[in-house]
Amino acid sequence: MAVDETLTVAVRVKPGASRARVGGRFDGPHGPALVIAVNAPAVDGRATEAARRALADALGVRAAAVSLRTGAASRDKLFLIERPPSELTGVLRRLRDGSAE
C-alpha cells in the first residue's frame, strides 16, 4: 500500500485579484498556506473553483485530482491532492516559501 494516497494543501485565497497568481506564504489557521490570487469573485463558490484549478495547474496535476476538504465559505481552505507525485511537496514548498516565481 502507498503511504501517501493524498496530500493536504493549506491555501489562502484572494478573490477578485487583478491578475491570477499562485505563490507566496500566509500563516493562517491551518499553518503555512500557499497564497492563490484569482480573478473570480467570492460568489457562489466561483473563487474556490478558480483556486482549485489554479492549484492544479501550478502543481502540474489534473484538476480532477484536486478537491476541497474544508473552507468552502472561507478564504482559508484545505485542498486534497489525490495520488500526488513524489516531487509535489518540493514544488509546493518552492511556490509557498520562495525561490519560485
N, C-alpha and C. Protein backbone atom coordinates (compact mmCIF):
# COMPACT_ATOMS: atom_id res chain seq x y z
N MET A 1 0.83 -1.20 0.00
CA MET A 1 0.00 0.00 0.00
C MET A 1 0.87 1.25 0.00
N ALA A 2 0.48 2.23 -0.78
CA ALA A 2 1.19 3.52 -0.80
C ALA A 2 0.85 4.27 0.47
N VAL A 3 1.86 4.89 1.06
CA VAL A 3 1.66 5.62 2.31
C VAL A 3 0.92 6.92 2.05
N ASP A 4 1.31 7.64 1.02
CA ASP A 4 0.71 8.95 0.74
C ASP A 4 -0.29 8.86 -0.40
N GLU A 5 -1.52 8.46 -0.08
CA GLU A 5 -2.57 8.41 -1.08
C GLU A 5 -3.07 9.80 -1.42
N THR A 6 -3.01 10.71 -0.43
CA THR A 6 -3.43 12.09 -0.65
C THR A 6 -2.45 13.03 0.02
N LEU A 7 -2.41 14.25 -0.49
CA LEU A 7 -1.60 15.31 0.10
C LEU A 7 -2.56 16.45 0.43
N THR A 8 -2.51 16.95 1.66
CA THR A 8 -3.35 18.08 2.05
C THR A 8 -2.55 19.36 1.87
N VAL A 9 -3.16 20.33 1.20
CA VAL A 9 -2.51 21.61 0.93
C VAL A 9 -3.34 22.73 1.53
N ALA A 10 -2.74 23.49 2.45
CA ALA A 10 -3.40 24.66 3.02
C ALA A 10 -3.24 25.82 2.04
N VAL A 11 -4.35 26.54 1.81
CA VAL A 11 -4.37 27.61 0.81
C VAL A 11 -5.06 28.83 1.39
N ARG A 12 -4.56 30.01 1.05
CA ARG A 12 -5.23 31.28 1.35
C ARG A 12 -5.64 31.86 0.00
N VAL A 13 -6.95 32.03 -0.22
CA VAL A 13 -7.46 32.52 -1.50
C VAL A 13 -7.70 34.02 -1.40
N LYS A 14 -7.25 34.73 -2.43
CA LYS A 14 -7.50 36.17 -2.56
C LYS A 14 -8.38 36.37 -3.79
N PRO A 15 -9.70 36.43 -3.60
CA PRO A 15 -10.61 36.58 -4.74
C PRO A 15 -10.59 38.00 -5.30
N GLY A 16 -11.04 38.14 -6.54
CA GLY A 16 -11.17 39.46 -7.16
C GLY A 16 -9.84 40.15 -7.45
N ALA A 17 -8.77 39.39 -7.58
CA ALA A 17 -7.45 39.97 -7.85
C ALA A 17 -7.39 40.46 -9.30
N SER A 18 -6.54 41.44 -9.56
CA SER A 18 -6.40 41.96 -10.92
C SER A 18 -5.76 40.93 -11.83
N ARG A 19 -4.88 40.09 -11.27
CA ARG A 19 -4.30 39.01 -12.08
C ARG A 19 -4.18 37.75 -11.23
N ALA A 20 -4.42 36.62 -11.87
CA ALA A 20 -4.33 35.34 -11.17
C ALA A 20 -2.86 35.03 -10.91
N ARG A 21 -2.57 34.51 -9.72
CA ARG A 21 -1.19 34.23 -9.36
C ARG A 21 -1.17 33.17 -8.27
N VAL A 22 -0.21 32.25 -8.35
CA VAL A 22 -0.02 31.23 -7.32
C VAL A 22 1.39 31.39 -6.79
N GLY A 23 1.48 31.69 -5.51
CA GLY A 23 2.79 31.84 -4.89
C GLY A 23 2.73 32.76 -3.70
N GLY A 24 3.57 32.49 -2.74
CA GLY A 24 3.60 33.28 -1.52
C GLY A 24 3.09 32.48 -0.35
N ARG A 25 3.34 33.04 0.82
CA ARG A 25 3.01 32.32 2.05
C ARG A 25 2.11 33.18 2.93
N PHE A 26 1.15 32.53 3.56
CA PHE A 26 0.28 33.16 4.54
C PHE A 26 0.19 32.23 5.73
N ASP A 27 0.52 32.73 6.92
CA ASP A 27 0.42 31.90 8.12
C ASP A 27 -0.99 32.00 8.66
N GLY A 28 -1.80 31.01 8.30
CA GLY A 28 -3.22 31.03 8.65
C GLY A 28 -3.58 29.98 9.67
N PRO A 29 -4.88 29.73 9.83
CA PRO A 29 -5.37 28.79 10.84
C PRO A 29 -4.95 27.34 10.59
N HIS A 30 -4.58 27.01 9.35
CA HIS A 30 -4.17 25.64 9.03
C HIS A 30 -2.65 25.52 8.94
N GLY A 31 -1.93 26.55 9.42
CA GLY A 31 -0.47 26.55 9.32
C GLY A 31 -0.04 27.33 8.10
N PRO A 32 1.22 27.16 7.67
CA PRO A 32 1.70 27.87 6.49
C PRO A 32 0.87 27.51 5.26
N ALA A 33 0.31 28.52 4.61
CA ALA A 33 -0.58 28.29 3.48
C ALA A 33 -0.02 28.91 2.22
N LEU A 34 -0.30 28.28 1.09
CA LEU A 34 0.06 28.79 -0.23
C LEU A 34 -0.98 29.84 -0.61
N VAL A 35 -0.52 31.01 -1.07
CA VAL A 35 -1.43 32.08 -1.48
C VAL A 35 -1.80 31.90 -2.95
N ILE A 36 -3.11 31.93 -3.22
CA ILE A 36 -3.61 31.85 -4.59
C ILE A 36 -4.53 33.04 -4.82
N ALA A 37 -4.12 33.93 -5.73
CA ALA A 37 -4.95 35.07 -6.12
C ALA A 37 -5.70 34.67 -7.38
N VAL A 38 -7.01 34.93 -7.39
CA VAL A 38 -7.83 34.57 -8.54
C VAL A 38 -8.66 35.77 -8.97
N ASN A 39 -9.01 35.81 -10.27
CA ASN A 39 -9.85 36.89 -10.80
C ASN A 39 -11.29 36.76 -10.34
N ALA A 40 -11.73 35.54 -10.11
CA ALA A 40 -13.14 35.27 -9.79
C ALA A 40 -13.55 35.91 -8.46
N PRO A 41 -14.78 36.38 -8.39
CA PRO A 41 -15.28 36.94 -7.13
C PRO A 41 -15.64 35.83 -6.15
N ALA A 42 -15.75 36.21 -4.89
CA ALA A 42 -16.12 35.24 -3.85
C ALA A 42 -17.64 35.10 -3.80
N VAL A 43 -18.21 34.61 -4.89
CA VAL A 43 -19.66 34.46 -5.02
C VAL A 43 -19.96 33.06 -5.54
N ASP A 44 -20.88 32.37 -4.89
CA ASP A 44 -21.35 31.05 -5.35
C ASP A 44 -20.22 30.06 -5.61
N GLY A 45 -19.15 30.13 -4.82
CA GLY A 45 -18.06 29.18 -4.95
C GLY A 45 -17.16 29.40 -6.15
N ARG A 46 -17.33 30.52 -6.85
CA ARG A 46 -16.52 30.75 -8.06
C ARG A 46 -15.05 30.93 -7.73
N ALA A 47 -14.73 31.65 -6.65
CA ALA A 47 -13.32 31.83 -6.28
C ALA A 47 -12.70 30.50 -5.85
N THR A 48 -13.46 29.68 -5.14
CA THR A 48 -12.97 28.37 -4.71
C THR A 48 -12.65 27.50 -5.92
N GLU A 49 -13.55 27.48 -6.89
CA GLU A 49 -13.32 26.67 -8.10
C GLU A 49 -12.13 27.19 -8.88
N ALA A 50 -12.00 28.51 -9.00
CA ALA A 50 -10.85 29.10 -9.71
C ALA A 50 -9.56 28.75 -8.98
N ALA A 51 -9.58 28.78 -7.64
CA ALA A 51 -8.39 28.44 -6.86
C ALA A 51 -8.04 26.96 -7.02
N ARG A 52 -9.05 26.10 -7.07
CA ARG A 52 -8.81 24.66 -7.25
C ARG A 52 -8.10 24.40 -8.58
N ARG A 53 -8.58 25.05 -9.63
CA ARG A 53 -7.98 24.87 -10.95
C ARG A 53 -6.58 25.48 -11.02
N ALA A 54 -6.41 26.65 -10.40
CA ALA A 54 -5.09 27.30 -10.40
C ALA A 54 -4.07 26.45 -9.63
N LEU A 55 -4.51 25.84 -8.53
CA LEU A 55 -3.62 24.98 -7.75
C LEU A 55 -3.20 23.77 -8.58
N ALA A 56 -4.15 23.15 -9.26
CA ALA A 56 -3.84 22.00 -10.11
C ALA A 56 -2.84 22.39 -11.20
N ASP A 57 -3.06 23.53 -11.85
CA ASP A 57 -2.16 23.99 -12.91
C ASP A 57 -0.76 24.23 -12.36
N ALA A 58 -0.68 24.93 -11.22
CA ALA A 58 0.62 25.27 -10.64
C ALA A 58 1.41 24.03 -10.21
N LEU A 59 0.69 23.00 -9.76
CA LEU A 59 1.35 21.79 -9.29
C LEU A 59 1.52 20.75 -10.40
N GLY A 60 0.94 21.02 -11.56
CA GLY A 60 1.09 20.10 -12.68
C GLY A 60 0.32 18.80 -12.53
N VAL A 61 -0.84 18.88 -11.87
CA VAL A 61 -1.68 17.70 -11.73
C VAL A 61 -3.03 17.96 -12.41
N ARG A 62 -3.77 16.90 -12.68
CA ARG A 62 -5.10 17.05 -13.28
C ARG A 62 -6.02 17.78 -12.29
N ALA A 63 -6.88 18.63 -12.81
CA ALA A 63 -7.83 19.35 -11.95
C ALA A 63 -8.72 18.36 -11.19
N ALA A 64 -9.02 17.22 -11.81
CA ALA A 64 -9.87 16.22 -11.17
C ALA A 64 -9.20 15.60 -9.95
N ALA A 65 -7.88 15.72 -9.84
CA ALA A 65 -7.16 15.15 -8.70
C ALA A 65 -7.18 16.07 -7.48
N VAL A 66 -7.69 17.29 -7.66
CA VAL A 66 -7.71 18.28 -6.58
C VAL A 66 -9.15 18.47 -6.10
N SER A 67 -9.36 18.31 -4.80
CA SER A 67 -10.71 18.51 -4.25
C SER A 67 -10.64 19.33 -2.97
N LEU A 68 -11.73 20.03 -2.68
CA LEU A 68 -11.81 20.85 -1.48
C LEU A 68 -12.14 19.97 -0.28
N ARG A 69 -11.34 20.09 0.78
CA ARG A 69 -11.62 19.33 2.00
C ARG A 69 -12.40 20.18 2.98
N THR A 70 -11.93 21.38 3.26
CA THR A 70 -12.65 22.29 4.16
C THR A 70 -12.47 23.72 3.69
N GLY A 71 -13.40 24.59 4.09
CA GLY A 71 -13.25 26.01 3.85
C GLY A 71 -14.05 26.56 2.69
N ALA A 72 -15.19 25.94 2.36
CA ALA A 72 -15.98 26.39 1.21
C ALA A 72 -16.36 27.87 1.31
N ALA A 73 -16.64 28.35 2.51
CA ALA A 73 -17.07 29.75 2.68
C ALA A 73 -15.99 30.61 3.32
N SER A 74 -14.75 30.15 3.27
CA SER A 74 -13.65 30.86 3.92
C SER A 74 -12.54 31.14 2.93
N ARG A 75 -11.71 32.14 3.21
CA ARG A 75 -10.53 32.37 2.38
C ARG A 75 -9.45 31.34 2.69
N ASP A 76 -9.51 30.76 3.89
CA ASP A 76 -8.55 29.73 4.29
C ASP A 76 -9.15 28.37 4.01
N LYS A 77 -8.51 27.62 3.11
CA LYS A 77 -9.06 26.36 2.65
C LYS A 77 -8.02 25.25 2.77
N LEU A 78 -8.51 24.02 2.80
CA LEU A 78 -7.65 22.85 2.68
C LEU A 78 -8.09 22.10 1.45
N PHE A 79 -7.14 21.86 0.53
CA PHE A 79 -7.40 21.06 -0.65
C PHE A 79 -6.69 19.73 -0.51
N LEU A 80 -7.26 18.69 -1.09
CA LEU A 80 -6.65 17.36 -1.14
C LEU A 80 -6.18 17.09 -2.56
N ILE A 81 -4.97 16.59 -2.68
CA ILE A 81 -4.43 16.16 -3.97
C ILE A 81 -4.40 14.63 -3.94
N GLU A 82 -5.13 14.00 -4.84
CA GLU A 82 -5.18 12.54 -4.91
C GLU A 82 -3.92 12.00 -5.59
N ARG A 83 -3.34 10.96 -5.02
CA ARG A 83 -2.17 10.29 -5.57
C ARG A 83 -1.11 11.28 -6.08
N PRO A 84 -0.57 12.10 -5.18
CA PRO A 84 0.41 13.11 -5.61
C PRO A 84 1.73 12.47 -6.04
N PRO A 85 2.34 13.00 -7.10
CA PRO A 85 3.68 12.52 -7.47
C PRO A 85 4.68 12.88 -6.38
N SER A 86 5.76 12.14 -6.29
CA SER A 86 6.71 12.32 -5.20
C SER A 86 7.36 13.70 -5.16
N GLU A 87 7.53 14.34 -6.32
CA GLU A 87 8.19 15.64 -6.33
C GLU A 87 7.25 16.79 -5.96
N LEU A 88 5.98 16.49 -5.73
CA LEU A 88 5.00 17.55 -5.49
C LEU A 88 5.27 18.36 -4.24
N THR A 89 5.74 17.74 -3.17
CA THR A 89 6.00 18.51 -1.95
C THR A 89 7.09 19.55 -2.16
N GLY A 90 8.09 19.22 -2.98
CA GLY A 90 9.14 20.19 -3.28
C GLY A 90 8.62 21.36 -4.10
N VAL A 91 7.78 21.07 -5.09
CA VAL A 91 7.17 22.11 -5.91
C VAL A 91 6.32 23.02 -5.03
N LEU A 92 5.52 22.42 -4.17
CA LEU A 92 4.67 23.17 -3.26
C LEU A 92 5.49 24.07 -2.34
N ARG A 93 6.56 23.53 -1.79
CA ARG A 93 7.42 24.31 -0.89
C ARG A 93 8.03 25.51 -1.62
N ARG A 94 8.48 25.30 -2.86
CA ARG A 94 9.06 26.42 -3.63
C ARG A 94 8.03 27.50 -3.91
N LEU A 95 6.82 27.11 -4.26
CA LEU A 95 5.76 28.09 -4.52
C LEU A 95 5.40 28.87 -3.26
N ARG A 96 5.33 28.17 -2.15
CA ARG A 96 4.89 28.80 -0.90
C ARG A 96 6.00 29.60 -0.23
N ASP A 97 7.22 29.07 -0.21
CA ASP A 97 8.27 29.68 0.59
C ASP A 97 9.31 30.46 -0.21
N GLY A 98 9.09 30.56 -1.52
CA GLY A 98 10.01 31.36 -2.32
C GLY A 98 10.87 30.54 -3.24
N SER A 99 11.78 31.18 -3.88
CA SER A 99 12.70 30.60 -4.87
C SER A 99 11.97 30.08 -6.10
N ALA A 100 10.72 30.50 -6.27
CA ALA A 100 9.97 30.21 -7.49
C ALA A 100 9.07 31.39 -7.78
N GLU A 101 8.92 31.73 -9.02
CA GLU A 101 8.06 32.87 -9.40
C GLU A 101 6.67 32.39 -9.68
